[in-house]
Amino acid sequence: MWLSVAAGLVVSLTQTRLLQIPSVRAKFGIMPITAALPSSSLLDTYRFARRYFQQKFNQHAQSRTPPVQKLIKSKSGKASRK
């Protein structure tokens, strides 16, 4: 089992190194590596995740909410549901 894990690790590392070479990337039609994206802070990630889950929760809650029934006052003064 360790031989399998070691072999997989070697293949993965070799593939990673080969695909970082610009000529190899061009041969396989892989887009070139561009400048690194600006890193985001942990707080930005938290805010994004919070907003995402709030939207998902609100959509889910709205889809499960039964229709609202209005109370209409009848002529006798008692409220009835319609």
Protein backbone atom coordinates (compact mmCIF):
# COMPACT_ATOMS: atom_id res chain seq x y z
CA MET A 1 0.00 0.00 0.00
CA TRP A 2 2.83 2.41 0.79
CA LEU A 3 4.32 1.74 -2.63
CA SER A 4 1.03 2.81 -4.24
CA VAL A 5 0.89 6.02 -2.19
CA ALA A 6 4.53 6.83 -2.93
CA ALA A 7 4.09 6.18 -6.66
CA GLY A 8 1.01 8.38 -6.79
CA LEU A 9 2.85 11.16 -4.99
CA VAL A 10 5.82 10.98 -7.38
CA VAL A 11 3.55 11.05 -10.44
CA SER A 12 1.59 13.99 -9.04
CA LEU A 13 4.71 16.02 -8.23
CA THR A 14 6.24 15.23 -11.64
CA GLN A 15 3.06 16.29 -13.43
CA THR A 16 2.90 19.53 -11.44
CA ARG A 17 6.51 20.41 -12.29
CA LEU A 18 6.09 19.57 -15.98
CA LEU A 19 2.93 21.63 -16.34
CA GLN A 20 4.72 24.69 -14.95
CA ILE A 21 7.06 24.75 -17.98
CA PRO A 22 5.71 27.26 -20.57
CA SER A 23 6.61 25.12 -23.62
CA VAL A 24 4.80 22.08 -22.19
CA ARG A 25 1.74 24.20 -21.40
CA ALA A 26 1.75 25.60 -24.96
CA LYS A 27 2.02 22.09 -26.48
CA PHE A 28 -1.07 20.91 -24.56
CA GLY A 29 -2.99 24.16 -25.17
CA ILE A 30 -3.09 25.18 -21.51
CA MET A 31 -3.34 28.90 -20.83
CA PRO A 32 -0.11 30.50 -19.63
CA ILE A 33 0.35 31.26 -15.96
CA THR A 34 -0.45 34.92 -15.33
CA ALA A 35 0.42 37.13 -12.41
CA ALA A 36 -0.94 35.93 -9.11
CA LEU A 37 -4.32 37.22 -8.10
CA PRO A 38 -4.38 39.54 -5.13
CA SER A 39 -4.87 37.56 -1.99
CA SER A 40 -8.00 38.09 0.02
CA SER A 41 -8.06 38.31 3.75
CA LEU A 42 -9.72 35.84 6.04
CA LEU A 43 -12.31 38.49 6.88
CA ASP A 44 -13.19 38.94 3.18
CA THR A 45 -13.61 35.18 2.83
CA TYR A 46 -15.83 35.05 5.91
CA ARG A 47 -18.01 37.91 4.63
CA PHE A 48 -18.41 36.23 1.24
CA ALA A 49 -19.33 32.87 2.79
CA ARG A 50 -21.78 34.50 5.20
CA ARG A 51 -23.50 36.41 2.39
CA TYR A 52 -23.66 33.26 0.24
CA PHE A 53 -25.24 31.11 2.95
CA GLN A 54 -27.68 33.86 3.98
CA GLN A 55 -28.92 34.09 0.40
CA LYS A 56 -29.24 30.31 0.13
CA PHE A 57 -31.02 30.09 3.48
CA ASN A 58 -33.43 32.90 2.56
CA GLN A 59 -34.27 31.26 -0.77
CA HIS A 60 -34.87 27.94 0.95
CA ALA A 61 -36.98 29.50 3.71
CA GLN A 62 -39.09 31.46 1.22
CA SER A 63 -39.80 28.39 -0.87
CA ARG A 64 -41.08 26.50 2.21
CA THR A 65 -43.22 29.31 3.64
CA PRO A 66 -46.96 28.67 3.23
CA PRO A 67 -49.01 31.45 1.67
CA VAL A 68 -50.10 34.15 4.07
CA GLN A 69 -53.79 34.25 4.83
CA LYS A 70 -55.33 37.67 5.34
CA LEU A 71 -57.81 38.41 8.08
CA ILE A 72 -60.88 40.13 6.73
CA LYS A 73 -63.32 41.78 9.02
CA SER A 74 -66.86 40.60 8.35
CA LYS A 75 -69.95 42.75 8.70
CA SER A 76 -70.70 41.25 12.10
CA GLY A 77 -67.39 42.52 13.43
CA LYS A 78 -65.70 39.09 13.72
CA ALA A 79 -62.52 38.39 11.79
CA SER A 80 -62.57 35.56 9.31
CA ARG A 81 -59.84 33.94 7.26
CA LYS A 82 -59.84 34.14 3.50
